[in-house]
Amino acid sequence: MREVSGALVAEPQRRERKKRQTRDALVHAALRLFDAKGYEHTAVREITDAVDVSERTFFRYFANKEDLALSFIRDSTDAFIRELAVRPADEPPFTALANSFRASLRALTADEGPAEESAYLLVIKLIDTTPSLLAALLRYLHDRDQETARILAAREGVDPETDRRPRLAVGVYTALVIAANREWRTGGDGSAEAMLAAFEANAEQLKSALAGHWT
């Protein structure tokens, strides 16, 4: 009886693992094609052929090419939101934001290692050179910034509709991550550690950038 129960538990786990493997295969095949042919010149059919699945299978995972291309960004921001929601209550708001970024970055790259880091760097460069993806990313990040501000407001017991501080903190944090991303994608080795180093270097300069003269 115990063996049967174990098999019943294992089966859903196998299905979920298979679904994750198919999703990852579609994403990585698409990124290879985007890199070789360009985003606009890659068809969904080419992606599915590369993985040997049907287009119907593709659309079970993604609404369209744009949805697939931004999946790395969604995964990273989802991880960040999860981390922020469980940060210790005694952490000040900006400290919680920064620590959530650090923890989510490490968690996202822990399983896959350099291959995942390389793919993420490719996505960032792809977005930079594809206006439609950049526009979609900005819309998405606007919505997530609002969600992040609401989480901060709840942590601090303030009303995000009347208190400016949650939006300001998130705005400064987002600028910090953008600056770190810019350094990371143009220099270094494209690793998670290089991204974290860029983040820390920019965070270190933040206070002096906002207060007093620079000379």
C-alpha atoms as a PDB file:
ATOM      1  CA  MET A   1       0.000   0.000   0.000  1.00  0.00           C
ATOM      2  CA  ARG A   2       2.848   2.333   0.862  1.00  0.00           C
ATOM      3  CA  GLU A   3       4.446   1.703  -2.559  1.00  0.00           C
ATOM      4  CA  VAL A   4       1.178   2.539  -4.321  1.00  0.00           C
ATOM      5  CA  SER A   5       0.855   5.765  -2.338  1.00  0.00           C
ATOM      6  CA  GLY A   6       4.412   6.686  -3.240  1.00  0.00           C
ATOM      7  CA  ALA A   7       3.724   6.095  -6.927  1.00  0.00           C
ATOM      8  CA  LEU A   8       0.611   8.292  -6.776  1.00  0.00           C
ATOM      9  CA  VAL A   9       2.655  11.112  -5.251  1.00  0.00           C
ATOM     10  CA  ALA A  10       5.533  10.690  -7.711  1.00  0.00           C
ATOM     11  CA  GLU A  11       3.374  10.785 -10.855  1.00  0.00           C
ATOM     12  CA  PRO A  12       2.290  14.448 -10.529  1.00  0.00           C
ATOM     13  CA  GLN A  13       5.915  15.336  -9.776  1.00  0.00           C
ATOM     14  CA  ARG A  14       7.047  13.605 -12.967  1.00  0.00           C
ATOM     15  CA  ARG A  15       4.400  15.433 -14.984  1.00  0.00           C
ATOM     16  CA  GLU A  16       5.445  18.777 -13.553  1.00  0.00           C
ATOM     17  CA  ARG A  17       9.102  17.997 -14.237  1.00  0.00           C
ATOM     18  CA  LYS A  18       8.284  17.034 -17.833  1.00  0.00           C
ATOM     19  CA  LYS A  19       6.296  20.246 -18.327  1.00  0.00           C
ATOM     20  CA  ARG A  20       9.185  22.295 -16.970  1.00  0.00           C
ATOM     21  CA  GLN A  21      11.642  20.496 -19.251  1.00  0.00           C
ATOM     22  CA  THR A  22       9.458  21.153 -22.305  1.00  0.00           C
ATOM     23  CA  ARG A  23       9.060  24.812 -21.394  1.00  0.00           C
ATOM     24  CA  ASP A  24      12.814  25.217 -20.868  1.00  0.00           C
ATOM     25  CA  ALA A  25      13.556  23.446 -24.160  1.00  0.00           C
ATOM     26  CA  LEU A  26      11.239  25.816 -26.039  1.00  0.00           C
ATOM     27  CA  VAL A  27      12.838  28.864 -24.429  1.00  0.00           C
ATOM     28  CA  HIS A  28      16.412  27.819 -25.126  1.00  0.00           C
ATOM     29  CA  ALA A  29      15.649  26.726 -28.692  1.00  0.00           C
ATOM     30  CA  ALA A  30      13.959  30.063 -29.315  1.00  0.00           C
ATOM     31  CA  LEU A  31      16.907  32.004 -27.913  1.00  0.00           C
ATOM     32  CA  ARG A  32      19.317  30.147 -30.190  1.00  0.00           C
ATOM     33  CA  LEU A  33      17.135  30.968 -33.189  1.00  0.00           C
ATOM     34  CA  PHE A  34      16.668  34.600 -32.127  1.00  0.00           C
ATOM     35  CA  ASP A  35      20.430  34.934 -31.809  1.00  0.00           C
ATOM     36  CA  ALA A  36      21.070  33.339 -35.209  1.00  0.00           C
ATOM     37  CA  LYS A  37      18.192  34.807 -37.268  1.00  0.00           C
ATOM     38  CA  GLY A  38      16.854  37.733 -35.272  1.00  0.00           C
ATOM     39  CA  TYR A  39      13.645  37.884 -33.254  1.00  0.00           C
ATOM     40  CA  GLU A  40      11.455  39.277 -36.021  1.00  0.00           C
ATOM     41  CA  HIS A  41      12.628  36.651 -38.525  1.00  0.00           C
ATOM     42  CA  THR A  42      11.993  33.628 -36.325  1.00  0.00           C
ATOM     43  CA  ALA A  43       8.636  31.868 -36.640  1.00  0.00           C
ATOM     44  CA  VAL A  44       6.898  29.876 -33.924  1.00  0.00           C
ATOM     45  CA  ARG A  45       6.956  26.878 -36.259  1.00  0.00           C
ATOM     46  CA  GLU A  46      10.759  26.978 -36.375  1.00  0.00           C
ATOM     47  CA  ILE A  47      10.916  26.956 -32.578  1.00  0.00           C
ATOM     48  CA  THR A  48       8.583  23.981 -32.263  1.00  0.00           C
ATOM     49  CA  ASP A  49      10.422  22.089 -35.009  1.00  0.00           C
ATOM     50  CA  ALA A  50      13.690  22.577 -33.108  1.00  0.00           C
ATOM     51  CA  VAL A  51      12.166  20.919 -30.043  1.00  0.00           C
ATOM     52  CA  ASP A  52      10.063  18.400 -32.002  1.00  0.00           C
ATOM     53  CA  VAL A  53       6.734  19.435 -30.485  1.00  0.00           C
ATOM     54  CA  SER A  54       3.546  20.794 -32.037  1.00  0.00           C
ATOM     55  CA  GLU A  55       2.557  24.453 -32.226  1.00  0.00           C
ATOM     56  CA  ARG A  56      -0.387  23.552 -30.013  1.00  0.00           C
ATOM     57  CA  THR A  57       2.136  22.520 -27.348  1.00  0.00           C
ATOM     58  CA  PHE A  58       3.917  25.862 -27.725  1.00  0.00           C
ATOM     59  CA  PHE A  59       0.698  27.767 -27.098  1.00  0.00           C
ATOM     60  CA  ARG A  60       0.013  25.768 -23.963  1.00  0.00           C
ATOM     61  CA  TYR A  61       3.094  27.425 -22.481  1.00  0.00           C
ATOM     62  CA  PHE A  62       3.242  30.830 -24.165  1.00  0.00           C
ATOM     63  CA  ALA A  63       0.710  33.229 -25.678  1.00  0.00           C
ATOM     64  CA  ASN A  64       3.144  34.258 -28.443  1.00  0.00           C
ATOM     65  CA  LYS A  65       6.829  34.874 -29.202  1.00  0.00           C
ATOM     66  CA  GLU A  66       6.883  38.005 -27.069  1.00  0.00           C
ATOM     67  CA  ASP A  67       5.580  36.064 -24.094  1.00  0.00           C
ATOM     68  CA  LEU A  68       8.366  33.512 -24.530  1.00  0.00           C
ATOM     69  CA  ALA A  69      11.089  36.130 -24.997  1.00  0.00           C
ATOM     70  CA  LEU A  70      10.136  37.887 -21.760  1.00  0.00           C
ATOM     71  CA  SER A  71       9.791  34.675 -19.754  1.00  0.00           C
ATOM     72  CA  PHE A  72      13.259  35.042 -18.206  1.00  0.00           C
ATOM     73  CA  ILE A  73      12.350  38.534 -17.007  1.00  0.00           C
ATOM     74  CA  ARG A  74       9.040  37.324 -15.587  1.00  0.00           C
ATOM     75  CA  ASP A  75      10.765  34.436 -13.819  1.00  0.00           C
ATOM     76  CA  SER A  76      13.326  36.768 -12.240  1.00  0.00           C
ATOM     77  CA  THR A  77      10.757  39.332 -11.110  1.00  0.00           C
ATOM     78  CA  ASP A  78       8.495  36.571  -9.775  1.00  0.00           C
ATOM     79  CA  ALA A  79      11.418  35.285  -7.709  1.00  0.00           C
ATOM     80  CA  PHE A  80      12.110  38.827  -6.485  1.00  0.00           C
ATOM     81  CA  ILE A  81       8.480  39.353  -5.435  1.00  0.00           C
ATOM     82  CA  ARG A  82       8.457  36.033  -3.580  1.00  0.00           C
ATOM     83  CA  GLU A  83      11.624  36.996  -1.721  1.00  0.00           C
ATOM     84  CA  LEU A  84      10.321  40.453  -0.842  1.00  0.00           C
ATOM     85  CA  ALA A  85       7.105  39.015   0.572  1.00  0.00           C
ATOM     86  CA  VAL A  86       9.050  36.985   3.157  1.00  0.00           C
ATOM     87  CA  ARG A  87      11.835  39.411   4.109  1.00  0.00           C
ATOM     88  CA  PRO A  88      12.175  40.002   7.875  1.00  0.00           C
ATOM     89  CA  ALA A  89       9.855  42.737   9.102  1.00  0.00           C
ATOM     90  CA  ASP A  90      12.703  44.587  10.834  1.00  0.00           C
ATOM     91  CA  GLU A  91      14.535  45.238   7.547  1.00  0.00           C
ATOM     92  CA  PRO A  92      14.124  48.832   6.330  1.00  0.00           C
ATOM     93  CA  PRO A  93      12.279  49.071   2.976  1.00  0.00           C
ATOM     94  CA  PHE A  94      15.278  49.707   0.733  1.00  0.00           C
ATOM     95  CA  THR A  95      17.342  47.060   2.510  1.00  0.00           C
ATOM     96  CA  ALA A  96      14.510  44.575   1.910  1.00  0.00           C
ATOM     97  CA  LEU A  97      14.453  45.477  -1.792  1.00  0.00           C
ATOM     98  CA  ALA A  98      18.224  45.049  -2.159  1.00  0.00           C
ATOM     99  CA  ASN A  99      18.332  41.795  -0.202  1.00  0.00           C
ATOM    100  CA  SER A 100      15.416  40.421  -2.221  1.00  0.00           C
ATOM    101  CA  PHE A 101      17.322  41.154  -5.424  1.00  0.00           C
ATOM    102  CA  ARG A 102      20.434  39.405  -4.104  1.00  0.00           C
ATOM    103  CA  ALA A 103      18.510  36.326  -2.949  1.00  0.00           C
ATOM    104  CA  SER A 104      16.413  36.020  -6.118  1.00  0.00           C
ATOM    105  CA  LEU A 105      19.464  36.357  -8.368  1.00  0.00           C
ATOM    106  CA  ARG A 106      21.245  33.551  -6.550  1.00  0.00           C
ATOM    107  CA  ALA A 107      18.130  31.349  -6.529  1.00  0.00           C
ATOM    108  CA  LEU A 108      17.514  31.751 -10.265  1.00  0.00           C
ATOM    109  CA  THR A 109      21.027  30.679 -11.255  1.00  0.00           C
ATOM    110  CA  ALA A 110      21.589  28.027  -8.574  1.00  0.00           C
ATOM    111  CA  ASP A 111      20.093  25.138 -10.561  1.00  0.00           C
ATOM    112  CA  GLU A 112      21.282  25.807 -14.095  1.00  0.00           C
ATOM    113  CA  GLY A 113      24.624  27.541 -13.600  1.00  0.00           C
ATOM    114  CA  PRO A 114      26.517  29.189 -16.486  1.00  0.00           C
ATOM    115  CA  ALA A 115      24.086  28.033 -19.190  1.00  0.00           C
ATOM    116  CA  GLU A 116      21.206  29.875 -17.533  1.00  0.00           C
ATOM    117  CA  GLU A 117      23.338  32.970 -16.936  1.00  0.00           C
ATOM    118  CA  SER A 118      24.356  33.023 -20.612  1.00  0.00           C
ATOM    119  CA  ALA A 119      20.736  32.703 -21.705  1.00  0.00           C
ATOM    120  CA  TYR A 120      19.673  35.570 -19.450  1.00  0.00           C
ATOM    121  CA  LEU A 121      22.404  37.801 -20.879  1.00  0.00           C
ATOM    122  CA  LEU A 122      21.232  36.938 -24.397  1.00  0.00           C
ATOM    123  CA  VAL A 123      17.670  37.923 -23.468  1.00  0.00           C
ATOM    124  CA  ILE A 124      18.823  41.307 -22.142  1.00  0.00           C
ATOM    125  CA  LYS A 125      20.755  42.014 -25.341  1.00  0.00           C
ATOM    126  CA  LEU A 126      17.819  40.828 -27.450  1.00  0.00           C
ATOM    127  CA  ILE A 127      15.447  43.228 -25.695  1.00  0.00           C
ATOM    128  CA  ASP A 128      17.919  46.083 -26.158  1.00  0.00           C
ATOM    129  CA  THR A 129      17.900  45.596 -29.930  1.00  0.00           C
ATOM    130  CA  THR A 130      14.194  44.813 -30.445  1.00  0.00           C
ATOM    131  CA  PRO A 131      11.909  47.849 -30.023  1.00  0.00           C
ATOM    132  CA  SER A 132       8.714  45.807 -29.670  1.00  0.00           C
ATOM    133  CA  LEU A 133      10.230  43.731 -26.868  1.00  0.00           C
ATOM    134  CA  LEU A 134      11.600  46.799 -25.125  1.00  0.00           C
ATOM    135  CA  ALA A 135       8.165  48.420 -25.185  1.00  0.00           C
ATOM    136  CA  ALA A 136       6.565  45.239 -23.820  1.00  0.00           C
ATOM    137  CA  LEU A 137       9.193  45.027 -21.083  1.00  0.00           C
ATOM    138  CA  LEU A 138       8.591  48.617 -19.982  1.00  0.00           C
ATOM    139  CA  ARG A 139       4.846  47.969 -19.728  1.00  0.00           C
ATOM    140  CA  TYR A 140       5.465  44.828 -17.718  1.00  0.00           C
ATOM    141  CA  LEU A 141       7.964  46.467 -15.353  1.00  0.00           C
ATOM    142  CA  HIS A 142       5.588  49.367 -14.752  1.00  0.00           C
ATOM    143  CA  ASP A 143       2.971  46.918 -13.501  1.00  0.00           C
ATOM    144  CA  ARG A 144       5.462  45.012 -11.345  1.00  0.00           C
ATOM    145  CA  ASP A 145       6.808  48.247  -9.844  1.00  0.00           C
ATOM    146  CA  GLN A 146       3.285  49.098  -8.732  1.00  0.00           C
ATOM    147  CA  GLU A 147       2.944  45.652  -7.152  1.00  0.00           C
ATOM    148  CA  THR A 148       6.287  46.066  -5.404  1.00  0.00           C
ATOM    149  CA  ALA A 149       5.237  49.469  -4.045  1.00  0.00           C
ATOM    150  CA  ARG A 150       2.062  47.928  -2.645  1.00  0.00           C
ATOM    151  CA  ILE A 151       4.099  45.213  -0.874  1.00  0.00           C
ATOM    152  CA  LEU A 152       6.418  47.827   0.637  1.00  0.00           C
ATOM    153  CA  ALA A 153       3.460  49.929   1.746  1.00  0.00           C
ATOM    154  CA  ALA A 154       1.878  46.911   3.442  1.00  0.00           C
ATOM    155  CA  ARG A 155       5.172  46.109   5.212  1.00  0.00           C
ATOM    156  CA  GLU A 156       5.393  49.651   6.552  1.00  0.00           C
ATOM    157  CA  GLY A 157       1.695  50.109   7.282  1.00  0.00           C
ATOM    158  CA  VAL A 158       1.175  53.060   4.944  1.00  0.00           C
ATOM    159  CA  ASP A 159      -1.282  53.819   2.152  1.00  0.00           C
ATOM    160  CA  PRO A 160       0.462  53.649  -1.275  1.00  0.00           C
ATOM    161  CA  GLU A 161      -2.198  55.939  -2.746  1.00  0.00           C
ATOM    162  CA  THR A 162      -1.320  58.824  -0.437  1.00  0.00           C
ATOM    163  CA  ASP A 163       2.223  58.081   0.752  1.00  0.00           C
ATOM    164  CA  ARG A 164       4.910  58.783  -1.861  1.00  0.00           C
ATOM    165  CA  ARG A 165       7.660  56.801  -0.169  1.00  0.00           C
ATOM    166  CA  PRO A 166       6.836  53.309  -1.508  1.00  0.00           C
ATOM    167  CA  ARG A 167       6.826  54.559  -5.121  1.00  0.00           C
ATOM    168  CA  LEU A 168       9.998  56.596  -4.581  1.00  0.00           C
ATOM    169  CA  ALA A 169      11.851  53.672  -2.995  1.00  0.00           C
ATOM    170  CA  VAL A 170      10.843  51.354  -5.833  1.00  0.00           C
ATOM    171  CA  GLY A 171      11.794  53.972  -8.427  1.00  0.00           C
ATOM    172  CA  VAL A 172      15.286  54.354  -6.960  1.00  0.00           C
ATOM    173  CA  TYR A 173      15.674  50.581  -6.657  1.00  0.00           C
ATOM    174  CA  THR A 174      14.629  50.070 -10.294  1.00  0.00           C
ATOM    175  CA  ALA A 175      17.134  52.707 -11.435  1.00  0.00           C
ATOM    176  CA  LEU A 176      19.826  50.894  -9.464  1.00  0.00           C
ATOM    177  CA  VAL A 177      19.041  47.557 -11.126  1.00  0.00           C
ATOM    178  CA  ILE A 178      18.944  49.174 -14.586  1.00  0.00           C
ATOM    179  CA  ALA A 179      22.368  50.743 -14.000  1.00  0.00           C
ATOM    180  CA  ALA A 180      23.768  47.418 -12.807  1.00  0.00           C
ATOM    181  CA  ASN A 181      22.248  45.619 -15.805  1.00  0.00           C
ATOM    182  CA  ARG A 182      23.851  48.117 -18.171  1.00  0.00           C
ATOM    183  CA  GLU A 183      27.304  47.500 -16.702  1.00  0.00           C
ATOM    184  CA  TRP A 184      26.787  43.744 -16.579  1.00  0.00           C
ATOM    185  CA  ARG A 185      25.759  43.294 -20.194  1.00  0.00           C
ATOM    186  CA  THR A 186      28.570  45.438 -21.598  1.00  0.00           C
ATOM    187  CA  GLY A 187      31.405  44.120 -19.454  1.00  0.00           C
ATOM    188  CA  GLY A 188      32.433  41.241 -17.269  1.00  0.00           C
ATOM    189  CA  ASP A 189      31.775  37.600 -18.052  1.00  0.00           C
ATOM    190  CA  GLY A 190      27.975  37.569 -18.052  1.00  0.00           C
ATOM    191  CA  SER A 191      27.808  35.545 -14.839  1.00  0.00           C
ATOM    192  CA  ALA A 192      25.440  35.997 -11.923  1.00  0.00           C
ATOM    193  CA  GLU A 193      28.421  36.949  -9.779  1.00  0.00           C
ATOM    194  CA  ALA A 194      29.339  39.697 -12.244  1.00  0.00           C
ATOM    195  CA  MET A 195      25.764  41.006 -12.109  1.00  0.00           C
ATOM    196  CA  LEU A 196      25.826  40.958  -8.325  1.00  0.00           C
ATOM    197  CA  ALA A 197      29.168  42.792  -8.309  1.00  0.00           C
ATOM    198  CA  ALA A 198      27.735  45.480 -10.616  1.00  0.00           C
ATOM    199  CA  PHE A 199      24.709  45.818  -8.339  1.00  0.00           C
ATOM    200  CA  GLU A 200      26.874  46.183  -5.229  1.00  0.00           C
ATOM    201  CA  ALA A 201      29.149  48.741  -6.899  1.00  0.00           C
ATOM    202  CA  ASN A 202      26.191  50.882  -7.945  1.00  0.00           C
ATOM    203  CA  ALA A 203      24.518  50.516  -4.541  1.00  0.00           C
ATOM    204  CA  GLU A 204      27.726  51.705  -2.889  1.00  0.00           C
ATOM    205  CA  GLN A 205      27.682  54.877  -5.010  1.00  0.00           C
ATOM    206  CA  LEU A 206      23.974  55.566  -4.540  1.00  0.00           C
ATOM    207  CA  LYS A 207      24.191  57.620  -1.354  1.00  0.00           C
ATOM    208  CA  SER A 208      26.939  59.905  -2.647  1.00  0.00           C
ATOM    209  CA  ALA A 209      25.080  60.311  -5.961  1.00  0.00           C
ATOM    210  CA  LEU A 210      21.982  61.618  -4.182  1.00  0.00           C
ATOM    211  CA  ALA A 211      23.531  63.748  -1.437  1.00  0.00           C
ATOM    212  CA  GLY A 212      25.996  66.613  -1.691  1.00  0.00           C
ATOM    213  CA  HIS A 213      28.452  67.579  -4.387  1.00  0.00           C
ATOM    214  CA  TRP A 214      30.482  64.931  -6.226  1.00  0.00           C
ATOM    215  CA  THR A 215      33.889  66.577  -5.968  1.00  0.00           C
END
